[in-house]
Amino acid sequence: MAESATSQLEYDSAVNNLASAEAGLIQLEKQIEQSRASLAQEETQLEFTRIFAPTSGTVVSIEMNEGRTLNANQQAPNILRIADLTTMTVEADISEADIGSVRKGMDVYFTTLGSGTRRWYGKVRQVLPTPEVLNNVVLYTGLFDIDNSDGALFSEMTAQVYFITSAAQNVLTVPMGALSFVAPPSPAETAARREAAGTDEGSPSGFTPPAGFTPPAGFTPPAGAGGGRAGGRPGAAGRGAAAGSDGRPRPATVKVVTPGGEVERQVMIGVTSRVTAEVLSGLKEGEEVIAGIVQTAPAGGAAANQQNFRPPGGVGGGFRGF
């Protein structure tokens, strides 16, 4: 056109063809972008057909079988459940009467129906504040974790849980049936003895013996006897936890078998369980005590029944037939 080699009509037609080609190129580029967006959307929907486990673990339940239609529009359906069984959480029902004695970090152990004598030990992690009421019984839930590396524990197992309130290891014990606990003094008697002693603090160790209590030879009240001792430790077989003893020393009497006959001796008892008690002082290892009902031999035909009597296993050596 600059050299007048063509007409104005051909020039205008060439410009229009160029503009049309550029517009078609832009339209094709937009179609490519739209196709790429559609491809990304299809790829995203394709990912929905592949299910990945959010964590490693063991399949504990399968809620959907192959072939069933899943409706994911309203809510995400549960196909199966996966649990990490290497660490189990025990949910213990605690009555409102005992909840005051349970605290965070407290030593605890439990047994299962099929575990035999095996015990699992742990520490209280949390006590849920909201109770569950069953048949007008208020129960609080205590949680603690247990290592299950060997896979011996499974979900929904029944456990009998023991909270260790106090414990003692490698101590001298005596059967509970051999003890007769001395009634504690009344507040008036305690105040009268303190006034007679000329002090308001009681004995230096904090221990105030009851009226009529005669300390045995070599007996020294333990320091801080009135305030109890430290809480339980793992491995103590739950002694003290079963009976709810707080470990405070308590005076008691026991009948000891000596070469000269039966002698009533006063002892000091520490941690107790349902069957045994810790002896702080007053007894030595190997001494025989009477743990049971002692009666004189009956006359007549009843004597034959006594000859056939055998004391149950595990009862103290002083147990006699009746």
C-alpha atoms as a PDB file:
ATOM      1  CA  MET A   1       0.000   0.000   0.000  1.00  0.00           C
ATOM      2  CA  ALA A   2       2.930   2.353   0.770  1.00  0.00           C
ATOM      3  CA  GLU A   3       4.353   1.715  -2.710  1.00  0.00           C
ATOM      4  CA  SER A   4       0.870   1.929  -4.319  1.00  0.00           C
ATOM      5  CA  ALA A   5       1.283  -1.713  -5.309  1.00  0.00           C
ATOM      6  CA  THR A   6      -2.244  -2.675  -4.219  1.00  0.00           C
ATOM      7  CA  SER A   7      -5.643  -1.168  -3.953  1.00  0.00           C
ATOM      8  CA  GLN A   8      -7.316   0.195  -0.859  1.00  0.00           C
ATOM      9  CA  LEU A   9      -9.900  -2.568  -1.050  1.00  0.00           C
ATOM     10  CA  GLU A  10      -7.328  -5.330  -0.861  1.00  0.00           C
ATOM     11  CA  TYR A  11      -5.514  -3.555   1.969  1.00  0.00           C
ATOM     12  CA  ASP A  12      -8.689  -3.205   4.048  1.00  0.00           C
ATOM     13  CA  SER A  13      -9.539  -6.846   3.388  1.00  0.00           C
ATOM     14  CA  ALA A  14      -6.085  -7.963   4.611  1.00  0.00           C
ATOM     15  CA  VAL A  15      -6.434  -5.904   7.821  1.00  0.00           C
ATOM     16  CA  ASN A  16      -9.812  -7.460   8.512  1.00  0.00           C
ATOM     17  CA  ASN A  17      -8.450 -10.966   7.947  1.00  0.00           C
ATOM     18  CA  LEU A  18      -5.589 -10.258  10.383  1.00  0.00           C
ATOM     19  CA  ALA A  19      -7.980  -8.991  13.064  1.00  0.00           C
ATOM     20  CA  SER A  20     -10.191 -12.024  12.584  1.00  0.00           C
ATOM     21  CA  ALA A  21      -7.209 -14.386  12.901  1.00  0.00           C
ATOM     22  CA  GLU A  22      -6.023 -12.660  16.096  1.00  0.00           C
ATOM     23  CA  ALA A  23      -9.535 -12.914  17.565  1.00  0.00           C
ATOM     24  CA  GLY A  24      -9.660 -16.606  16.680  1.00  0.00           C
ATOM     25  CA  LEU A  25      -6.282 -17.141  18.393  1.00  0.00           C
ATOM     26  CA  ILE A  26      -7.511 -15.470  21.555  1.00  0.00           C
ATOM     27  CA  GLN A  27     -10.674 -17.599  21.484  1.00  0.00           C
ATOM     28  CA  LEU A  28      -8.625 -20.785  21.111  1.00  0.00           C
ATOM     29  CA  GLU A  29      -6.385 -19.783  24.047  1.00  0.00           C
ATOM     30  CA  LYS A  30      -9.455 -19.254  26.216  1.00  0.00           C
ATOM     31  CA  GLN A  31     -10.803 -22.640  25.178  1.00  0.00           C
ATOM     32  CA  ILE A  32      -7.483 -24.221  26.164  1.00  0.00           C
ATOM     33  CA  GLU A  33      -7.666 -22.566  29.596  1.00  0.00           C
ATOM     34  CA  GLN A  34     -11.252 -23.767  30.003  1.00  0.00           C
ATOM     35  CA  SER A  35     -10.237 -27.277  29.032  1.00  0.00           C
ATOM     36  CA  ARG A  36      -7.398 -27.194  31.557  1.00  0.00           C
ATOM     37  CA  ALA A  37      -9.824 -26.070  34.290  1.00  0.00           C
ATOM     38  CA  SER A  38     -12.218 -28.868  33.354  1.00  0.00           C
ATOM     39  CA  LEU A  39      -9.310 -31.344  33.450  1.00  0.00           C
ATOM     40  CA  ALA A  40      -8.310 -30.185  36.933  1.00  0.00           C
ATOM     41  CA  GLN A  41     -11.910 -30.559  38.118  1.00  0.00           C
ATOM     42  CA  GLU A  42     -12.128 -34.062  36.695  1.00  0.00           C
ATOM     43  CA  GLU A  43      -8.822 -34.993  38.314  1.00  0.00           C
ATOM     44  CA  THR A  44     -10.118 -33.702  41.663  1.00  0.00           C
ATOM     45  CA  GLN A  45     -13.266 -35.801  41.338  1.00  0.00           C
ATOM     46  CA  LEU A  46     -11.123 -38.762  40.366  1.00  0.00           C
ATOM     47  CA  GLU A  47      -9.186 -38.401  43.631  1.00  0.00           C
ATOM     48  CA  PHE A  48     -12.479 -38.836  45.504  1.00  0.00           C
ATOM     49  CA  THR A  49     -12.644 -42.407  44.195  1.00  0.00           C
ATOM     50  CA  ARG A  50      -9.374 -43.266  45.985  1.00  0.00           C
ATOM     51  CA  ILE A  51      -9.563 -43.625  49.777  1.00  0.00           C
ATOM     52  CA  PHE A  52      -6.441 -43.061  51.885  1.00  0.00           C
ATOM     53  CA  ALA A  53      -6.052 -43.903  55.579  1.00  0.00           C
ATOM     54  CA  PRO A  54      -5.442 -40.721  57.603  1.00  0.00           C
ATOM     55  CA  THR A  55      -3.174 -42.621  60.009  1.00  0.00           C
ATOM     56  CA  SER A  56      -1.592 -46.024  60.434  1.00  0.00           C
ATOM     57  CA  GLY A  57      -3.357 -48.520  62.662  1.00  0.00           C
ATOM     58  CA  THR A  58      -5.635 -51.534  62.835  1.00  0.00           C
ATOM     59  CA  VAL A  59      -9.052 -51.782  61.192  1.00  0.00           C
ATOM     60  CA  VAL A  60     -11.446 -52.289  64.086  1.00  0.00           C
ATOM     61  CA  SER A  61     -14.746 -52.139  62.168  1.00  0.00           C
ATOM     62  CA  ILE A  62     -16.030 -52.061  58.558  1.00  0.00           C
ATOM     63  CA  GLU A  63     -19.265 -50.103  58.265  1.00  0.00           C
ATOM     64  CA  MET A  64     -19.687 -50.068  54.467  1.00  0.00           C
ATOM     65  CA  ASN A  65     -19.293 -53.031  52.137  1.00  0.00           C
ATOM     66  CA  GLU A  66     -18.336 -53.034  48.464  1.00  0.00           C
ATOM     67  CA  GLY A  67     -21.264 -52.300  46.149  1.00  0.00           C
ATOM     68  CA  ARG A  68     -23.215 -50.020  48.495  1.00  0.00           C
ATOM     69  CA  THR A  69     -24.097 -46.496  47.343  1.00  0.00           C
ATOM     70  CA  LEU A  70     -22.580 -43.722  49.452  1.00  0.00           C
ATOM     71  CA  ASN A  71     -24.356 -40.403  49.802  1.00  0.00           C
ATOM     72  CA  ALA A  72     -21.669 -37.832  50.477  1.00  0.00           C
ATOM     73  CA  ASN A  73     -23.851 -34.781  49.768  1.00  0.00           C
ATOM     74  CA  GLN A  74     -25.310 -34.466  53.264  1.00  0.00           C
ATOM     75  CA  GLN A  75     -22.379 -35.756  55.351  1.00  0.00           C
ATOM     76  CA  ALA A  76     -19.185 -37.711  54.903  1.00  0.00           C
ATOM     77  CA  PRO A  77     -20.009 -41.406  55.331  1.00  0.00           C
ATOM     78  CA  ASN A  78     -17.951 -43.678  57.574  1.00  0.00           C
ATOM     79  CA  ILE A  79     -16.609 -46.573  55.544  1.00  0.00           C
ATOM     80  CA  LEU A  80     -14.417 -48.176  58.236  1.00  0.00           C
ATOM     81  CA  ARG A  81     -12.710 -47.311  61.498  1.00  0.00           C
ATOM     82  CA  ILE A  82      -8.980 -47.423  62.170  1.00  0.00           C
ATOM     83  CA  ALA A  83      -7.468 -47.406  65.666  1.00  0.00           C
ATOM     84  CA  ASP A  84      -3.915 -47.231  66.942  1.00  0.00           C
ATOM     85  CA  LEU A  85      -3.827 -50.141  69.401  1.00  0.00           C
ATOM     86  CA  THR A  86      -0.243 -49.566  70.562  1.00  0.00           C
ATOM     87  CA  THR A  87      -1.584 -47.239  73.264  1.00  0.00           C
ATOM     88  CA  MET A  88      -4.947 -47.960  74.894  1.00  0.00           C
ATOM     89  CA  THR A  89      -7.039 -45.556  76.955  1.00  0.00           C
ATOM     90  CA  VAL A  90      -8.921 -47.024  79.901  1.00  0.00           C
ATOM     91  CA  GLU A  91     -12.212 -45.395  80.891  1.00  0.00           C
ATOM     92  CA  ALA A  92     -12.855 -46.100  84.567  1.00  0.00           C
ATOM     93  CA  ASP A  93     -16.237 -45.455  86.211  1.00  0.00           C
ATOM     94  CA  ILE A  94     -15.626 -43.783  89.591  1.00  0.00           C
ATOM     95  CA  SER A  95     -18.462 -43.345  92.079  1.00  0.00           C
ATOM     96  CA  GLU A  96     -19.059 -39.961  93.629  1.00  0.00           C
ATOM     97  CA  ALA A  97     -18.118 -41.397  97.031  1.00  0.00           C
ATOM     98  CA  ASP A  98     -14.583 -42.149  95.790  1.00  0.00           C
ATOM     99  CA  ILE A  99     -14.035 -39.265  93.379  1.00  0.00           C
ATOM    100  CA  GLY A 100     -12.613 -37.078  96.143  1.00  0.00           C
ATOM    101  CA  SER A 101      -9.684 -39.481  96.584  1.00  0.00           C
ATOM    102  CA  VAL A 102      -8.784 -39.607  92.885  1.00  0.00           C
ATOM    103  CA  ARG A 103      -6.408 -36.999  91.504  1.00  0.00           C
ATOM    104  CA  LYS A 104      -4.365 -36.416  88.370  1.00  0.00           C
ATOM    105  CA  GLY A 105      -1.106 -38.358  88.292  1.00  0.00           C
ATOM    106  CA  MET A 106      -2.343 -40.942  90.814  1.00  0.00           C
ATOM    107  CA  ASP A 107      -0.949 -44.473  90.447  1.00  0.00           C
ATOM    108  CA  VAL A 108      -3.493 -46.970  89.157  1.00  0.00           C
ATOM    109  CA  TYR A 109      -3.543 -50.530  87.900  1.00  0.00           C
ATOM    110  CA  PHE A 110      -6.173 -52.829  86.434  1.00  0.00           C
ATOM    111  CA  THR A 111      -6.837 -56.438  85.492  1.00  0.00           C
ATOM    112  CA  THR A 112      -9.015 -57.968  82.803  1.00  0.00           C
ATOM    113  CA  LEU A 113     -11.225 -61.027  82.848  1.00  0.00           C
ATOM    114  CA  GLY A 114      -8.806 -63.121  80.832  1.00  0.00           C
ATOM    115  CA  SER A 115      -5.478 -61.750  82.052  1.00  0.00           C
ATOM    116  CA  GLY A 116      -5.143 -64.024  85.067  1.00  0.00           C
ATOM    117  CA  THR A 117      -2.738 -62.474  87.560  1.00  0.00           C
ATOM    118  CA  ARG A 118      -1.284 -59.933  85.121  1.00  0.00           C
ATOM    119  CA  ARG A 119      -1.654 -56.278  86.019  1.00  0.00           C
ATOM    120  CA  TRP A 120      -1.230 -53.149  83.905  1.00  0.00           C
ATOM    121  CA  TYR A 121       0.043 -50.053  85.696  1.00  0.00           C
ATOM    122  CA  GLY A 122      -0.421 -46.428  84.759  1.00  0.00           C
ATOM    123  CA  LYS A 123      -1.219 -42.938  86.057  1.00  0.00           C
ATOM    124  CA  VAL A 124      -4.493 -41.015  85.991  1.00  0.00           C
ATOM    125  CA  ARG A 125      -4.407 -38.599  83.069  1.00  0.00           C
ATOM    126  CA  GLN A 126      -7.775 -36.884  83.445  1.00  0.00           C
ATOM    127  CA  VAL A 127     -11.087 -37.057  85.297  1.00  0.00           C
ATOM    128  CA  LEU A 128     -14.008 -35.862  83.183  1.00  0.00           C
ATOM    129  CA  PRO A 129     -16.098 -33.300  85.113  1.00  0.00           C
ATOM    130  CA  THR A 130     -19.425 -34.340  83.582  1.00  0.00           C
ATOM    131  CA  PRO A 131     -20.843 -37.425  85.323  1.00  0.00           C
ATOM    132  CA  GLU A 132     -22.979 -40.234  83.973  1.00  0.00           C
ATOM    133  CA  VAL A 133     -26.041 -41.191  86.012  1.00  0.00           C
ATOM    134  CA  LEU A 134     -27.026 -44.883  85.858  1.00  0.00           C
ATOM    135  CA  ASN A 135     -29.946 -46.046  88.021  1.00  0.00           C
ATOM    136  CA  ASN A 136     -29.552 -42.959  90.240  1.00  0.00           C
ATOM    137  CA  VAL A 137     -25.834 -43.726  90.701  1.00  0.00           C
ATOM    138  CA  VAL A 138     -23.510 -40.857  89.804  1.00  0.00           C
ATOM    139  CA  LEU A 139     -20.348 -42.073  88.055  1.00  0.00           C
ATOM    140  CA  TYR A 140     -17.398 -39.991  86.891  1.00  0.00           C
ATOM    141  CA  THR A 141     -15.054 -41.154  84.136  1.00  0.00           C
ATOM    142  CA  GLY A 142     -11.330 -41.360  84.833  1.00  0.00           C
ATOM    143  CA  LEU A 143      -8.928 -41.732  81.897  1.00  0.00           C
ATOM    144  CA  PHE A 144      -5.427 -43.190  81.832  1.00  0.00           C
ATOM    145  CA  ASP A 145      -3.245 -44.585  79.050  1.00  0.00           C
ATOM    146  CA  ILE A 146      -1.616 -48.014  78.910  1.00  0.00           C
ATOM    147  CA  ASP A 147       1.169 -49.244  76.621  1.00  0.00           C
ATOM    148  CA  ASN A 148      -0.134 -52.110  74.487  1.00  0.00           C
ATOM    149  CA  SER A 149       2.901 -52.910  72.381  1.00  0.00           C
ATOM    150  CA  ASP A 150       2.349 -56.659  72.800  1.00  0.00           C
ATOM    151  CA  GLY A 151      -1.269 -56.421  71.601  1.00  0.00           C
ATOM    152  CA  ALA A 152      -2.727 -58.138  74.671  1.00  0.00           C
ATOM    153  CA  LEU A 153      -5.496 -55.542  75.082  1.00  0.00           C
ATOM    154  CA  PHE A 154      -8.419 -55.006  72.706  1.00  0.00           C
ATOM    155  CA  SER A 155     -11.181 -52.436  72.428  1.00  0.00           C
ATOM    156  CA  GLU A 156     -14.223 -52.655  74.721  1.00  0.00           C
ATOM    157  CA  MET A 157     -12.538 -55.040  77.178  1.00  0.00           C
ATOM    158  CA  THR A 158     -13.862 -55.107  80.738  1.00  0.00           C
ATOM    159  CA  ALA A 159     -11.289 -53.941  83.286  1.00  0.00           C
ATOM    160  CA  GLN A 160     -11.346 -53.894  87.079  1.00  0.00           C
ATOM    161  CA  VAL A 161      -9.475 -50.765  88.119  1.00  0.00           C
ATOM    162  CA  TYR A 162      -7.667 -50.133  91.419  1.00  0.00           C
ATOM    163  CA  PHE A 163      -6.546 -46.653  92.475  1.00  0.00           C
ATOM    164  CA  ILE A 164      -3.549 -46.806  94.827  1.00  0.00           C
ATOM    165  CA  THR A 165      -4.118 -44.319  97.648  1.00  0.00           C
ATOM    166  CA  SER A 166      -1.185 -45.587  99.746  1.00  0.00           C
ATOM    167  CA  ALA A 167       1.300 -48.420  99.517  1.00  0.00           C
ATOM    168  CA  ALA A 168       4.231 -50.065 101.272  1.00  0.00           C
ATOM    169  CA  GLN A 169       6.953 -52.348  99.937  1.00  0.00           C
ATOM    170  CA  ASN A 170       9.178 -54.909 101.676  1.00  0.00           C
ATOM    171  CA  VAL A 171       7.444 -54.504 105.034  1.00  0.00           C
ATOM    172  CA  LEU A 172       6.359 -56.842 107.818  1.00  0.00           C
ATOM    173  CA  THR A 173       2.688 -57.825 107.502  1.00  0.00           C
ATOM    174  CA  VAL A 174       0.104 -59.524 109.682  1.00  0.00           C
ATOM    175  CA  PRO A 175      -3.334 -60.948 108.767  1.00  0.00           C
ATOM    176  CA  MET A 176      -6.198 -58.537 109.335  1.00  0.00           C
ATOM    177  CA  GLY A 177      -8.098 -61.258 111.192  1.00  0.00           C
ATOM    178  CA  ALA A 178      -5.486 -61.200 113.928  1.00  0.00           C
ATOM    179  CA  LEU A 179      -5.918 -57.492 114.703  1.00  0.00           C
ATOM    180  CA  SER A 180      -8.243 -55.712 117.084  1.00  0.00           C
ATOM    181  CA  PHE A 181      -7.977 -52.007 116.439  1.00  0.00           C
ATOM    182  CA  VAL A 182      -8.001 -49.641 119.404  1.00  0.00           C
ATOM    183  CA  ALA A 183     -10.744 -47.039 119.241  1.00  0.00           C
ATOM    184  CA  PRO A 184      -9.285 -43.548 118.703  1.00  0.00           C
ATOM    185  CA  PRO A 185      -9.649 -41.084 121.590  1.00  0.00           C
ATOM    186  CA  SER A 186     -12.402 -38.531 121.567  1.00  0.00           C
ATOM    187  CA  PRO A 187     -11.530 -34.851 120.995  1.00  0.00           C
ATOM    188  CA  ALA A 188     -12.160 -34.164 124.691  1.00  0.00           C
ATOM    189  CA  GLU A 189      -9.736 -36.890 125.779  1.00  0.00           C
ATOM    190  CA  THR A 190      -7.114 -35.632 123.337  1.00  0.00           C
ATOM    191  CA  ALA A 191      -7.464 -32.072 124.612  1.00  0.00           C
ATOM    192  CA  ALA A 192      -7.243 -33.269 128.232  1.00  0.00           C
ATOM    193  CA  ARG A 193      -4.034 -35.198 127.565  1.00  0.00           C
ATOM    194  CA  ARG A 194      -2.485 -32.252 125.778  1.00  0.00           C
ATOM    195  CA  GLU A 195      -3.385 -29.954 128.637  1.00  0.00           C
ATOM    196  CA  ALA A 196      -1.904 -32.412 131.126  1.00  0.00           C
ATOM    197  CA  ALA A 197       1.286 -32.563 129.055  1.00  0.00           C
ATOM    198  CA  GLY A 198       1.493 -28.795 129.059  1.00  0.00           C
ATOM    199  CA  THR A 199       1.499 -28.367 125.284  1.00  0.00           C
ATOM    200  CA  ASP A 200      -0.986 -27.794 122.517  1.00  0.00           C
ATOM    201  CA  GLU A 201       0.959 -29.700 119.897  1.00  0.00           C
ATOM    202  CA  GLY A 202       0.700 -33.221 121.341  1.00  0.00           C
ATOM    203  CA  SER A 203       3.740 -35.434 121.121  1.00  0.00           C
ATOM    204  CA  PRO A 204       6.786 -34.205 119.158  1.00  0.00           C
ATOM    205  CA  SER A 205       6.019 -36.570 116.310  1.00  0.00           C
ATOM    206  CA  GLY A 206       2.374 -35.610 116.083  1.00  0.00           C
ATOM    207  CA  PHE A 207       1.252 -39.027 117.395  1.00  0.00           C
ATOM    208  CA  THR A 208      -1.172 -39.120 120.324  1.00  0.00           C
ATOM    209  CA  PRO A 209      -1.752 -42.626 121.721  1.00  0.00           C
ATOM    210  CA  PRO A 210      -5.251 -43.515 122.906  1.00  0.00           C
ATOM    211  CA  ALA A 211      -6.180 -43.899 126.527  1.00  0.00           C
ATOM    212  CA  GLY A 212      -4.787 -47.068 128.043  1.00  0.00           C
ATOM    213  CA  PHE A 213      -2.248 -47.653 125.228  1.00  0.00           C
ATOM    214  CA  THR A 214       1.093 -49.002 126.448  1.00  0.00           C
ATOM    215  CA  PRO A 215       3.891 -48.745 123.880  1.00  0.00           C
ATOM    216  CA  PRO A 216       5.756 -52.015 123.358  1.00  0.00           C
ATOM    217  CA  ALA A 217       9.441 -52.314 124.112  1.00  0.00           C
ATOM    218  CA  GLY A 218      11.531 -50.399 121.631  1.00  0.00           C
ATOM    219  CA  PHE A 219       8.533 -48.628 120.102  1.00  0.00           C
ATOM    220  CA  THR A 220       9.147 -45.142 118.726  1.00  0.00           C
ATOM    221  CA  PRO A 221       6.242 -43.218 117.144  1.00  0.00           C
ATOM    222  CA  PRO A 222       7.049 -42.449 113.479  1.00  0.00           C
ATOM    223  CA  ALA A 223       7.703 -38.845 112.561  1.00  0.00           C
ATOM    224  CA  GLY A 224       4.639 -37.116 111.187  1.00  0.00           C
ATOM    225  CA  ALA A 225       2.413 -40.006 112.166  1.00  0.00           C
ATOM    226  CA  GLY A 226      -0.646 -37.830 112.388  1.00  0.00           C
ATOM    227  CA  GLY A 227      -0.383 -36.523 108.846  1.00  0.00           C
ATOM    228  CA  GLY A 228      -0.170 -39.735 106.852  1.00  0.00           C
ATOM    229  CA  ARG A 229       2.549 -40.774 104.434  1.00  0.00           C
ATOM    230  CA  ALA A 230       3.193 -40.299 100.775  1.00  0.00           C
ATOM    231  CA  GLY A 231       0.889 -41.804  98.177  1.00  0.00           C
ATOM    232  CA  GLY A 232       1.179 -45.222  96.583  1.00  0.00           C
ATOM    233  CA  ARG A 233       3.850 -46.450  94.215  1.00  0.00           C
ATOM    234  CA  PRO A 234       3.566 -48.813  91.250  1.00  0.00           C
ATOM    235  CA  GLY A 235       4.412 -52.379  91.988  1.00  0.00           C
ATOM    236  CA  ALA A 236       2.926 -52.356  95.472  1.00  0.00           C
ATOM    237  CA  ALA A 237       0.209 -54.797  94.387  1.00  0.00           C
ATOM    238  CA  GLY A 238      -2.451 -52.284  95.326  1.00  0.00           C
ATOM    239  CA  ARG A 239      -2.077 -52.774  99.063  1.00  0.00           C
ATOM    240  CA  GLY A 240      -3.946 -50.067 100.864  1.00  0.00           C
ATOM    241  CA  ALA A 241      -5.924 -49.144  97.773  1.00  0.00           C
ATOM    242  CA  ALA A 242      -8.343 -52.029  98.159  1.00  0.00           C
ATOM    243  CA  ALA A 243      -9.325 -51.068 101.698  1.00  0.00           C
ATOM    244  CA  GLY A 244      -8.972 -47.335 101.210  1.00  0.00           C
ATOM    245  CA  SER A 245      -6.342 -46.964 103.927  1.00  0.00           C
ATOM    246  CA  ASP A 246      -4.486 -43.667 103.991  1.00  0.00           C
ATOM    247  CA  GLY A 247      -1.443 -45.206 105.670  1.00  0.00           C
ATOM    248  CA  ARG A 248      -1.781 -43.340 108.976  1.00  0.00           C
ATOM    249  CA  PRO A 249      -0.373 -45.322 111.904  1.00  0.00           C
ATOM    250  CA  ARG A 250      -3.092 -46.810 114.084  1.00  0.00           C
ATOM    251  CA  PRO A 251      -2.750 -48.718 117.366  1.00  0.00           C
ATOM    252  CA  ALA A 252      -4.095 -52.247 117.589  1.00  0.00           C
ATOM    253  CA  THR A 253      -3.784 -55.375 119.697  1.00  0.00           C
ATOM    254  CA  VAL A 254      -2.819 -58.853 118.569  1.00  0.00           C
ATOM    255  CA  LYS A 255      -2.535 -62.204 120.369  1.00  0.00           C
ATOM    256  CA  VAL A 256       0.921 -63.722 120.025  1.00  0.00           C
ATOM    257  CA  VAL A 257       1.632 -67.409 120.610  1.00  0.00           C
ATOM    258  CA  THR A 258       4.626 -67.819 122.951  1.00  0.00           C
ATOM    259  CA  PRO A 259       6.082 -70.864 124.719  1.00  0.00           C
ATOM    260  CA  GLY A 260       4.305 -69.709 127.857  1.00  0.00           C
ATOM    261  CA  GLY A 261       0.915 -69.346 126.142  1.00  0.00           C
ATOM    262  CA  GLU A 262      -1.021 -66.593 124.457  1.00  0.00           C
ATOM    263  CA  VAL A 263       0.092 -63.017 125.076  1.00  0.00           C
ATOM    264  CA  GLU A 264      -1.850 -59.947 124.016  1.00  0.00           C
ATOM    265  CA  ARG A 265       0.495 -57.396 122.534  1.00  0.00           C
ATOM    266  CA  GLN A 266      -0.041 -53.861 121.371  1.00  0.00           C
ATOM    267  CA  VAL A 267       1.264 -52.971 117.924  1.00  0.00           C
ATOM    268  CA  MET A 268       1.252 -50.044 115.524  1.00  0.00           C
ATOM    269  CA  ILE A 269      -0.335 -50.648 112.095  1.00  0.00           C
ATOM    270  CA  GLY A 270       0.339 -48.705 108.900  1.00  0.00           C
ATOM    271  CA  VAL A 271      -1.039 -49.428 105.431  1.00  0.00           C
ATOM    272  CA  THR A 272      -3.807 -52.038 105.323  1.00  0.00           C
ATOM    273  CA  SER A 273      -5.607 -54.020 102.664  1.00  0.00           C
ATOM    274  CA  ARG A 274      -8.561 -56.375 102.876  1.00  0.00           C
ATOM    275  CA  VAL A 275      -6.408 -59.260 104.101  1.00  0.00           C
ATOM    276  CA  THR A 276      -3.090 -57.943 105.445  1.00  0.00           C
ATOM    277  CA  ALA A 277      -1.751 -54.983 107.385  1.00  0.00           C
ATOM    278  CA  GLU A 278       1.675 -53.385 107.629  1.00  0.00           C
ATOM    279  CA  VAL A 279       3.295 -53.705 111.049  1.00  0.00           C
ATOM    280  CA  LEU A 280       5.308 -50.629 112.007  1.00  0.00           C
ATOM    281  CA  SER A 281       6.323 -51.888 115.449  1.00  0.00           C
ATOM    282  CA  GLY A 282       5.385 -54.424 118.110  1.00  0.00           C
ATOM    283  CA  LEU A 283       6.001 -57.655 116.143  1.00  0.00           C
ATOM    284  CA  LYS A 284       8.981 -59.496 114.723  1.00  0.00           C
ATOM    285  CA  GLU A 285       9.192 -61.631 111.624  1.00  0.00           C
ATOM    286  CA  GLY A 286       8.420 -65.280 112.346  1.00  0.00           C
ATOM    287  CA  GLU A 287       6.254 -64.742 115.431  1.00  0.00           C
ATOM    288  CA  GLU A 288       2.970 -66.674 115.396  1.00  0.00           C
ATOM    289  CA  VAL A 289      -0.259 -64.774 115.919  1.00  0.00           C
ATOM    290  CA  ILE A 290      -3.819 -65.956 116.378  1.00  0.00           C
ATOM    291  CA  ALA A 291      -5.977 -65.069 113.396  1.00  0.00           C
ATOM    292  CA  GLY A 292      -9.440 -66.559 113.858  1.00  0.00           C
ATOM    293  CA  ILE A 293     -11.970 -67.754 116.399  1.00  0.00           C
ATOM    294  CA  VAL A 294     -10.468 -69.611 119.345  1.00  0.00           C
ATOM    295  CA  GLN A 295     -12.745 -71.837 121.416  1.00  0.00           C
ATOM    296  CA  THR A 296     -12.196 -74.643 123.877  1.00  0.00           C
ATOM    297  CA  ALA A 297     -12.595 -78.207 122.641  1.00  0.00           C
ATOM    298  CA  PRO A 298     -16.248 -79.281 122.942  1.00  0.00           C
ATOM    299  CA  ALA A 299     -17.168 -82.444 124.802  1.00  0.00           C
ATOM    300  CA  GLY A 300     -18.997 -85.490 123.465  1.00  0.00           C
ATOM    301  CA  GLY A 301     -19.605 -86.238 119.813  1.00  0.00           C
ATOM    302  CA  ALA A 302     -18.623 -82.719 118.695  1.00  0.00           C
ATOM    303  CA  ALA A 303     -14.982 -83.567 119.368  1.00  0.00           C
ATOM    304  CA  ALA A 304     -14.923 -85.857 116.341  1.00  0.00           C
ATOM    305  CA  ASN A 305     -15.851 -82.959 114.068  1.00  0.00           C
ATOM    306  CA  GLN A 306     -12.949 -80.967 115.455  1.00  0.00           C
ATOM    307  CA  GLN A 307     -10.492 -83.716 114.587  1.00  0.00           C
ATOM    308  CA  ASN A 308     -11.585 -83.647 110.955  1.00  0.00           C
ATOM    309  CA  PHE A 309     -11.250 -79.868 110.662  1.00  0.00           C
ATOM    310  CA  ARG A 310      -8.451 -78.456 108.528  1.00  0.00           C
ATOM    311  CA  PRO A 311      -7.726 -74.737 108.518  1.00  0.00           C
ATOM    312  CA  PRO A 312      -7.925 -73.096 105.097  1.00  0.00           C
ATOM    313  CA  GLY A 313      -4.710 -72.491 103.189  1.00  0.00           C
ATOM    314  CA  GLY A 314      -2.948 -69.219 103.746  1.00  0.00           C
ATOM    315  CA  VAL A 315      -4.393 -68.634 107.247  1.00  0.00           C
ATOM    316  CA  GLY A 316      -1.959 -67.648 109.967  1.00  0.00           C
ATOM    317  CA  GLY A 317      -0.274 -70.380 111.976  1.00  0.00           C
ATOM    318  CA  GLY A 318      -2.292 -69.473 115.073  1.00  0.00           C
ATOM    319  CA  PHE A 319      -5.670 -70.408 113.507  1.00  0.00           C
ATOM    320  CA  ARG A 320      -7.410 -73.100 115.503  1.00  0.00           C
ATOM    321  CA  GLY A 321     -10.343 -75.333 114.683  1.00  0.00           C
ATOM    322  CA  PHE A 322     -13.761 -74.900 116.197  1.00  0.00           C
END
